[in-house]
């Protein structure tokens, strides 16, 4: 598997953050703590991918 470009990392990061926010909101509305936690985890993963993409931009 090849390396991802900075744009791909940032795009995936934004998608993971949006997916995480939706999961967290669903968990909050339904009282499902596991789903809320999973949503927060997805948001953190998205933030990490976004930061990786920004770091790659700086190294260009």
Protein backbone atom coordinates (compact mmCIF):
# COMPACT_ATOMS: atom_id res chain seq x y z
CA UNK A 1 0.00 0.00 0.00
CA UNK A 2 1.42 3.39 -0.99
CA UNK A 3 1.69 6.53 1.01
CA UNK A 4 -1.23 8.90 1.12
CA UNK A 5 -0.96 12.50 0.02
CA UNK A 6 -1.54 15.34 2.44
CA UNK A 7 -4.88 16.05 0.78
CA UNK A 8 -6.02 12.46 1.25
CA UNK A 9 -5.07 12.57 4.93
CA UNK A 10 -6.91 15.84 5.46
CA UNK A 11 -9.98 14.58 3.56
CA UNK A 12 -10.11 11.36 5.54
CA UNK A 13 -9.60 13.35 8.72
CA UNK A 14 -12.56 15.59 7.98
CA UNK A 15 -14.71 12.56 7.16
CA UNK A 16 -13.73 10.78 10.38
CA UNK A 17 -14.46 13.90 12.43
CA UNK A 18 -17.92 14.30 10.87
CA UNK A 19 -18.69 10.61 11.33
CA UNK A 20 -17.53 10.83 14.94
CA UNK A 21 -19.71 13.84 15.68
CA UNK A 22 -22.73 12.01 14.27
CA UNK A 23 -22.00 8.91 16.37
CA UNK A 24 -21.47 10.99 19.49
CA UNK A 25 -24.75 12.83 18.96
CA UNK A 26 -26.61 9.56 18.34
CA UNK A 27 -25.13 8.11 21.50
CA UNK A 28 -26.05 11.20 23.51
CA UNK A 29 -29.65 11.14 22.29
CA UNK A 30 -30.09 7.43 22.91
CA UNK A 31 -28.13 7.33 26.18
CA UNK A 32 -25.65 4.88 24.66
CA UNK A 33 -22.30 5.66 26.30
CA UNK A 34 -20.43 3.16 24.11
CA UNK A 35 -21.62 4.94 20.94
CA UNK A 36 -20.68 8.34 22.41
CA UNK A 37 -17.21 7.03 23.24
CA UNK A 38 -16.83 5.53 19.76
CA UNK A 39 -17.78 8.89 18.28
CA UNK A 40 -15.18 10.72 20.34
CA UNK A 41 -12.60 8.15 19.28
CA UNK A 42 -13.45 8.68 15.60
CA UNK A 43 -13.13 12.45 16.06
CA UNK A 44 -9.69 12.02 17.65
CA UNK A 45 -8.62 9.75 14.79
CA UNK A 46 -9.83 12.37 12.31
CA UNK A 47 -7.92 15.11 14.09
CA UNK A 48 -4.75 13.01 13.96
CA UNK A 49 -5.14 12.38 10.22
CA UNK A 50 -5.78 16.08 9.62
CA UNK A 51 -2.64 17.03 11.56
CA UNK A 52 -0.62 14.44 9.63
CA UNK A 53 -1.81 15.99 6.37
CA UNK A 54 -0.86 19.48 7.57
CA UNK A 55 2.56 18.24 8.65
CA UNK A 56 3.12 16.73 5.20
CA UNK A 57 2.26 20.12 3.68
CA UNK A 58 4.91 21.79 5.81
CA UNK A 59 7.54 19.31 4.66
CA UNK A 60 6.90 19.90 0.95
